[in-house]
C-alpha atoms as a PDB file:
ATOM      1  CA  MET A   1     133.967 -58.683  41.051  1.00  0.00           C
ATOM      2  CA  THR A   2     133.302 -55.143  40.563  1.00  0.00           C
ATOM      3  CA  ALA A   3     130.967 -53.296  43.016  1.00  0.00           C
ATOM      4  CA  THR A   4     128.860 -52.023  40.265  1.00  0.00           C
ATOM      5  CA  ASN A   5     127.729 -55.388  39.413  1.00  0.00           C
ATOM      6  CA  GLY A   6     127.364 -56.549  42.807  1.00  0.00           C
ATOM      7  CA  SER A   7     123.496 -55.848  43.118  1.00  0.00           C
ATOM      8  CA  LEU A   8     123.120 -57.807  39.740  1.00  0.00           C
ATOM      9  CA  ALA A   9     125.244 -60.664  40.941  1.00  0.00           C
ATOM     10  CA  LEU A  10     123.153 -61.198  44.313  1.00  0.00           C
ATOM     11  CA  GLN A  11     119.611 -61.310  41.896  1.00  0.00           C
ATOM     12  CA  ILE A  12     121.503 -63.791  39.484  1.00  0.00           C
ATOM     13  CA  ARG A  13     122.930 -65.753  42.546  1.00  0.00           C
ATOM     14  CA  GLN A  14     119.366 -65.716  44.293  1.00  0.00           C
ATOM     15  CA  ALA A  15     117.980 -67.127  40.795  1.00  0.00           C
ATOM     16  CA  LEU A  16     120.302 -69.830  40.516  1.00  0.00           C
ATOM     17  CA  ASP A  17     120.233 -70.877  43.806  1.00  0.00           C
ATOM     18  CA  GLU A  18     116.285 -71.076  43.765  1.00  0.00           C
ATOM     19  CA  ALA A  19     116.390 -73.292  40.437  1.00  0.00           C
ATOM     20  CA  LEU A  20     118.842 -75.507  42.069  1.00  0.00           C
ATOM     21  CA  ALA A  21     116.587 -76.004  45.460  1.00  0.00           C
ATOM     22  CA  GLN A  22     113.833 -76.683  43.623  1.00  0.00           C
ATOM     23  CA  GLY A  23     115.570 -79.078  41.084  1.00  0.00           C
ATOM     24  CA  ARG A  24     114.863 -76.960  37.756  1.00  0.00           C
ATOM     25  CA  PRO A  25     117.456 -76.224  35.182  1.00  0.00           C
ATOM     26  CA  ALA A  26     119.598 -73.205  35.720  1.00  0.00           C
ATOM     27  CA  PRO A  27     117.840 -70.203  33.773  1.00  0.00           C
ATOM     28  CA  GLY A  28     119.794 -69.154  30.783  1.00  0.00           C
ATOM     29  CA  ARG A  29     120.717 -65.675  30.020  1.00  0.00           C
ATOM     30  CA  PRO A  30     117.479 -64.535  28.210  1.00  0.00           C
ATOM     31  CA  THR A  31     115.695 -65.670  31.517  1.00  0.00           C
ATOM     32  CA  LEU A  32     117.926 -63.766  33.781  1.00  0.00           C
ATOM     33  CA  VAL A  33     117.907 -60.830  31.636  1.00  0.00           C
ATOM     34  CA  ARG A  34     113.882 -60.799  31.997  1.00  0.00           C
ATOM     35  CA  LEU A  35     114.218 -61.478  35.616  1.00  0.00           C
ATOM     36  CA  THR A  36     117.101 -58.627  36.441  1.00  0.00           C
ATOM     37  CA  GLY A  37     115.929 -56.182  33.980  1.00  0.00           C
ATOM     38  CA  ALA A  38     119.666 -55.933  33.048  1.00  0.00           C
ATOM     39  CA  THR A  39     121.252 -56.007  29.456  1.00  0.00           C
ATOM     40  CA  ASP A  40     122.369 -59.228  28.138  1.00  0.00           C
ATOM     41  CA  HIS A  41     125.935 -57.677  28.190  1.00  0.00           C
ATOM     42  CA  ALA A  42     125.780 -57.421  31.859  1.00  0.00           C
ATOM     43  CA  VAL A  43     124.112 -60.492  32.991  1.00  0.00           C
ATOM     44  CA  ARG A  44     127.060 -62.255  30.616  1.00  0.00           C
ATOM     45  CA  LYS A  45     129.810 -60.402  32.300  1.00  0.00           C
ATOM     46  CA  VAL A  46     128.181 -61.299  35.845  1.00  0.00           C
ATOM     47  CA  LEU A  47     127.739 -65.102  34.799  1.00  0.00           C
ATOM     48  CA  ALA A  48     131.445 -65.005  33.664  1.00  0.00           C
ATOM     49  CA  GLU A  49     132.319 -63.828  37.058  1.00  0.00           C
ATOM     50  CA  LEU A  50     130.440 -66.235  39.106  1.00  0.00           C
ATOM     51  CA  ALA A  51     131.958 -69.056  37.166  1.00  0.00           C
ATOM     52  CA  PRO A  52     135.101 -68.946  38.701  1.00  0.00           C
ATOM     53  CA  GLU A  53     133.751 -68.896  41.976  1.00  0.00           C
ATOM     54  CA  ASP A  54     131.652 -71.899  41.855  1.00  0.00           C
ATOM     55  CA  THR A  55     134.295 -73.942  40.648  1.00  0.00           C
ATOM     56  CA  SER A  56     136.788 -73.040  43.328  1.00  0.00           C
ATOM     57  CA  PRO A  57     137.399 -75.258  46.332  1.00  0.00           C
ATOM     58  CA  GLY A  58     135.940 -72.624  48.906  1.00  0.00           C
ATOM     59  CA  ALA A  59     132.557 -72.360  47.028  1.00  0.00           C
ATOM     60  CA  SER A  60     132.100 -75.903  46.234  1.00  0.00           C
ATOM     61  CA  ALA A  61     132.194 -76.586  50.119  1.00  0.00           C
ATOM     62  CA  ASN A  62     129.772 -73.829  51.224  1.00  0.00           C
ATOM     63  CA  GLN A  63     127.405 -74.348  47.988  1.00  0.00           C
ATOM     64  CA  PRO A  64     124.906 -77.333  47.539  1.00  0.00           C
ATOM     65  CA  GLN A  65     125.914 -79.274  44.529  1.00  0.00           C
ATOM     66  CA  PRO A  66     123.351 -80.564  42.097  1.00  0.00           C
ATOM     67  CA  VAL A  67     122.927 -84.124  42.236  1.00  0.00           C
ATOM     68  CA  ASN A  68     122.077 -86.521  38.986  1.00  0.00           C
ATOM     69  CA  ASP A  69     118.589 -87.437  40.104  1.00  0.00           C
ATOM     70  CA  THR A  70     118.110 -89.344  37.016  1.00  0.00           C
ATOM     71  CA  THR A  71     121.314 -91.798  37.285  1.00  0.00           C
ATOM     72  CA  SER A  72     120.316 -92.370  40.992  1.00  0.00           C
ATOM     73  CA  THR A  73     116.554 -93.071  40.044  1.00  0.00           C
ATOM     74  CA  ALA A  74     117.546 -95.252  37.312  1.00  0.00           C
ATOM     75  CA  GLY A  75     120.332 -97.170  39.695  1.00  0.00           C
ATOM     76  CA  GLY A  76     117.477 -97.550  42.062  1.00  0.00           C
ATOM     77  CA  LEU A  77     115.014 -98.928  39.996  1.00  0.00           C
ATOM     78  CA  LEU A  78     117.278-101.474  38.330  1.00  0.00           C
ATOM     79  CA  VAL A  79     118.462-102.465  42.028  1.00  0.00           C
ATOM     80  CA  ALA A  80     114.692-102.820  43.292  1.00  0.00           C
ATOM     81  CA  TRP A  81     113.453-104.683  40.070  1.00  0.00           C
ATOM     82  CA  ALA A  82     116.177-107.133  40.729  1.00  0.00           C
ATOM     83  CA  GLY A  83     115.386-107.712  44.253  1.00  0.00           C
ATOM     84  CA  PHE A  84     111.717-107.955  43.290  1.00  0.00           C
ATOM     85  CA  VAL A  85     112.239-110.494  40.650  1.00  0.00           C
ATOM     86  CA  PHE A  86     114.979-112.564  42.430  1.00  0.00           C
ATOM     87  CA  GLY A  87     112.912-112.471  45.646  1.00  0.00           C
ATOM     88  CA  SER A  88     109.637-113.624  43.931  1.00  0.00           C
ATOM     89  CA  ILE A  89     111.382-116.339  41.659  1.00  0.00           C
ATOM     90  CA  MET A  90     113.283-117.824  44.705  1.00  0.00           C
ATOM     91  CA  SER A  91     110.392-117.908  46.847  1.00  0.00           C
ATOM     92  CA  ILE A  92     107.979-119.598  44.611  1.00  0.00           C
ATOM     93  CA  ALA A  93     110.811-122.113  43.700  1.00  0.00           C
ATOM     94  CA  ALA A  94     111.632-123.037  47.348  1.00  0.00           C
ATOM     95  CA  ASN A  95     107.811-123.322  47.877  1.00  0.00           C
ATOM     96  CA  VAL A  96     107.494-125.589  45.152  1.00  0.00           C
ATOM     97  CA  LEU A  97     110.587-127.355  46.015  1.00  0.00           C
ATOM     98  CA  SER A  98     109.023-128.265  49.708  1.00  0.00           C
ATOM     99  CA  THR A  99     106.545-130.714  47.667  1.00  0.00           C
ATOM    100  CA  TRP A 100     109.546-132.824  46.945  1.00  0.00           C
ATOM    101  CA  LEU A 101     110.746-133.262  50.352  1.00  0.00           C
ATOM    102  CA  PRO A 102     109.201-136.494  51.037  1.00  0.00           C
ATOM    103  CA  ALA A 103     111.143-138.019  48.081  1.00  0.00           C
ATOM    104  CA  GLN A 104     113.754-139.483  50.331  1.00  0.00           C
ATOM    105  CA  HIS A 105     111.175-141.649  52.145  1.00  0.00           C
ATOM    106  CA  GLN A 106     109.619-142.578  48.561  1.00  0.00           C
ATOM    107  CA  PRO A 107     110.469-144.808  45.685  1.00  0.00           C
ATOM    108  CA  THR A 108     112.856-143.850  43.188  1.00  0.00           C
ATOM    109  CA  ASP A 109     110.340-142.898  40.511  1.00  0.00           C
ATOM    110  CA  TRP A 110     107.976-140.852  42.958  1.00  0.00           C
ATOM    111  CA  SER A 111     106.797-137.516  42.401  1.00  0.00           C
ATOM    112  CA  PRO A 112     104.697-134.905  44.193  1.00  0.00           C
ATOM    113  CA  GLY A 113     102.439-134.504  41.213  1.00  0.00           C
ATOM    114  CA  LEU A 114     101.722-131.273  39.147  1.00  0.00           C
ATOM    115  CA  ALA A 115      98.807-130.257  41.327  1.00  0.00           C
ATOM    116  CA  PRO A 116     100.821-130.201  44.855  1.00  0.00           C
ATOM    117  CA  GLN A 117     103.492-127.994  43.153  1.00  0.00           C
ATOM    118  CA  ILE A 118     100.946-125.657  41.654  1.00  0.00           C
ATOM    119  CA  GLY A 119      99.407-125.535  45.020  1.00  0.00           C
ATOM    120  CA  ALA A 120     102.548-124.525  46.630  1.00  0.00           C
ATOM    121  CA  ALA A 121     103.247-121.897  44.369  1.00  0.00           C
ATOM    122  CA  VAL A 122      99.975-120.217  45.263  1.00  0.00           C
ATOM    123  CA  TRP A 123     101.150-118.782  48.515  1.00  0.00           C
ATOM    124  CA  PRO A 124     103.956-116.836  47.711  1.00  0.00           C
ATOM    125  CA  ILE A 125     101.932-115.736  44.303  1.00  0.00           C
ATOM    126  CA  GLY A 126      99.254-114.804  47.170  1.00  0.00           C
ATOM    127  CA  LEU A 127     101.822-112.898  49.315  1.00  0.00           C
ATOM    128  CA  LEU A 128     103.401-110.838  46.525  1.00  0.00           C
ATOM    129  CA  LEU A 129      99.897-109.993  44.941  1.00  0.00           C
ATOM    130  CA  SER A 130      98.183-108.995  48.276  1.00  0.00           C
ATOM    131  CA  ILE A 131     101.111-106.491  49.021  1.00  0.00           C
ATOM    132  CA  GLU A 132     100.887-105.213  45.315  1.00  0.00           C
ATOM    133  CA  VAL A 133      97.174-104.476  45.800  1.00  0.00           C
ATOM    134  CA  LEU A 134      97.669-103.320  49.193  1.00  0.00           C
ATOM    135  CA  SER A 135     100.152-100.444  48.639  1.00  0.00           C
ATOM    136  CA  ARG A 136      99.602 -99.568  44.563  1.00  0.00           C
ATOM    137  CA  VAL A 137      95.975 -99.019  44.800  1.00  0.00           C
ATOM    138  CA  PRO A 138      94.811 -95.866  45.445  1.00  0.00           C
ATOM    139  CA  TRP A 139      92.424 -96.563  48.420  1.00  0.00           C
ATOM    140  CA  PRO A 140      89.425 -93.835  49.037  1.00  0.00           C
ATOM    141  CA  HIS A 141      89.006 -92.486  52.655  1.00  0.00           C
ATOM    142  CA  GLY A 142      86.953 -93.906  55.261  1.00  0.00           C
ATOM    143  CA  TRP A 143      86.694 -96.434  57.809  1.00  0.00           C
ATOM    144  CA  PHE A 144      84.993 -99.293  55.340  1.00  0.00           C
ATOM    145  CA  TRP A 145      88.060 -98.744  52.777  1.00  0.00           C
ATOM    146  CA  VAL A 146      90.729 -98.898  55.550  1.00  0.00           C
ATOM    147  CA  LEU A 147      88.731-102.161  56.953  1.00  0.00           C
ATOM    148  CA  ALA A 148      88.940-103.674  53.614  1.00  0.00           C
ATOM    149  CA  ARG A 149      92.651-102.693  52.857  1.00  0.00           C
ATOM    150  CA  PHE A 150      93.934-103.825  56.107  1.00  0.00           C
ATOM    151  CA  GLY A 151      91.330-106.308  57.434  1.00  0.00           C
ATOM    152  CA  GLY A 152      90.815-108.011  53.936  1.00  0.00           C
ATOM    153  CA  ILE A 153      94.114-107.868  52.110  1.00  0.00           C
ATOM    154  CA  GLY A 154      95.916-107.894  55.390  1.00  0.00           C
ATOM    155  CA  VAL A 155      94.545-111.648  56.207  1.00  0.00           C
ATOM    156  CA  VAL A 156      95.484-112.895  52.932  1.00  0.00           C
ATOM    157  CA  ALA A 157      99.041-111.548  53.019  1.00  0.00           C
ATOM    158  CA  LEU A 158      99.454-112.891  56.620  1.00  0.00           C
ATOM    159  CA  GLY A 159      97.909-116.280  55.989  1.00  0.00           C
ATOM    160  CA  SER A 160     100.294-116.493  52.822  1.00  0.00           C
ATOM    161  CA  ALA A 161     103.220-115.370  54.384  1.00  0.00           C
ATOM    162  CA  ILE A 162     102.872-117.721  57.084  1.00  0.00           C
ATOM    163  CA  ILE A 163     102.268-121.048  54.951  1.00  0.00           C
ATOM    164  CA  SER A 164     105.198-119.876  52.726  1.00  0.00           C
ATOM    165  CA  TYR A 165     107.513-119.171  55.570  1.00  0.00           C
ATOM    166  CA  GLY A 166     106.511-122.726  56.918  1.00  0.00           C
ATOM    167  CA  HIS A 167     107.396-124.228  53.345  1.00  0.00           C
ATOM    168  CA  LEU A 168     110.894-122.393  53.257  1.00  0.00           C
ATOM    169  CA  ARG A 169     111.899-123.390  56.682  1.00  0.00           C
ATOM    170  CA  ASP A 170     111.029-127.083  56.065  1.00  0.00           C
ATOM    171  CA  VAL A 171     113.580-126.768  53.010  1.00  0.00           C
ATOM    172  CA  LEU A 172     116.371-125.398  54.977  1.00  0.00           C
ATOM    173  CA  ILE A 173     115.778-127.742  57.699  1.00  0.00           C
ATOM    174  CA  ALA A 174     115.809-130.477  54.907  1.00  0.00           C
ATOM    175  CA  TRP A 175     119.226-128.900  54.148  1.00  0.00           C
ATOM    176  CA  HIS A 176     120.346-129.127  57.541  1.00  0.00           C
ATOM    177  CA  TYR A 177     120.591-125.264  58.349  1.00  0.00           C
ATOM    178  CA  GLU A 178     120.901-124.588  61.835  1.00  0.00           C
ATOM    179  CA  PRO A 179     117.381-123.865  63.816  1.00  0.00           C
ATOM    180  CA  LEU A 180     118.262-120.115  63.720  1.00  0.00           C
ATOM    181  CA  ALA A 181     119.310-119.998  60.198  1.00  0.00           C
ATOM    182  CA  ALA A 182     116.369-121.870  59.301  1.00  0.00           C
ATOM    183  CA  ALA A 183     113.858-119.553  61.045  1.00  0.00           C
ATOM    184  CA  VAL A 184     115.277-116.431  59.718  1.00  0.00           C
ATOM    185  CA  GLY A 185     115.836-117.398  56.180  1.00  0.00           C
ATOM    186  CA  PRO A 186     112.335-117.518  55.142  1.00  0.00           C
ATOM    187  CA  LEU A 187     111.951-113.588  56.264  1.00  0.00           C
ATOM    188  CA  VAL A 188     115.127-112.634  54.090  1.00  0.00           C
ATOM    189  CA  LEU A 189     113.690-114.449  50.939  1.00  0.00           C
ATOM    190  CA  ASP A 190     110.019-113.066  51.197  1.00  0.00           C
ATOM    191  CA  GLY A 191     111.328-109.824  52.887  1.00  0.00           C
ATOM    192  CA  LEU A 192     113.513-108.864  49.976  1.00  0.00           C
ATOM    193  CA  MET A 193     110.381-109.286  47.742  1.00  0.00           C
ATOM    194  CA  VAL A 194     108.152-107.345  49.908  1.00  0.00           C
ATOM    195  CA  ILE A 195     110.551-104.155  50.201  1.00  0.00           C
ATOM    196  CA  SER A 196     111.489-104.215  46.845  1.00  0.00           C
ATOM    197  CA  GLY A 197     107.929-103.968  45.795  1.00  0.00           C
ATOM    198  CA  PHE A 198     107.474-100.900  48.091  1.00  0.00           C
ATOM    199  CA  ALA A 199     110.699 -99.617  46.534  1.00  0.00           C
ATOM    200  CA  LEU A 200     109.318 -99.814  43.068  1.00  0.00           C
ATOM    201  CA  LEU A 201     106.134 -98.119  44.384  1.00  0.00           C
ATOM    202  CA  ALA A 202     108.350 -95.185  45.817  1.00  0.00           C
ATOM    203  CA  ILE A 203     110.072 -94.839  42.932  1.00  0.00           C
ATOM    204  CA  SER A 204     106.829 -94.531  40.635  1.00  0.00           C
ATOM    205  CA  ARG A 205     105.568 -92.017  43.130  1.00  0.00           C
ATOM    206  CA  SER A 206     108.695 -89.663  43.113  1.00  0.00           C
ATOM    207  CA  LYS A 207     108.882 -89.273  39.578  1.00  0.00           C
ATOM    208  CA  PRO A 208     108.276 -85.782  38.584  1.00  0.00           C
ATOM    209  CA  ALA A 209     105.000 -84.970  36.432  1.00  0.00           C
ATOM    210  CA  ALA A 210     106.034 -84.337  32.970  1.00  0.00           C
ATOM    211  CA  ALA A 211     106.104 -80.244  32.330  1.00  0.00           C
ATOM    212  CA  PRO A 212     103.171 -78.924  30.359  1.00  0.00           C
ATOM    213  CA  THR A 213     104.100 -77.908  26.864  1.00  0.00           C
END
């Protein structure tokens, strides 16, 4: 790069680095002409000289590389939804399945009935909804709202989690799991549902707002 273009190259490099650091697209030639006050020919020449520098091995090691945020976010969203749906369905199914555990001690045509099965599904659904309300609602400030959020909803979430935990543990014990595995298994299943729900919340809040037209 010639010395006469050194100052202009520094200005252009700074503009490109600022756009990269702020997650904005790199400014084009018209924008760089306006920012630097140089001619379009001079800006074009500097950009042509900077291009080999950016693709050289030394420059790639020293300069931060742009990240494909769209691809990363889409992948994280897919995984979070998969964990959320899988954890929710499996937790509800295991709770309903717990109502069938006495079948081995009952006549062949015995069934727990529809009401107990629906009642068993209430607890994981209650846990799911309480976590969603706890995390997604934009709660106002103040001690009253803190009490309502962590007191009222916290009690619902804790109670639902305890009952759901007991149902899942009974199922694992009936399947002859070791005591430690039966104790940890429900935490894995319900924990997957909860953490995936918070992941979806984090992704939704990290999406940049649309630029004004």
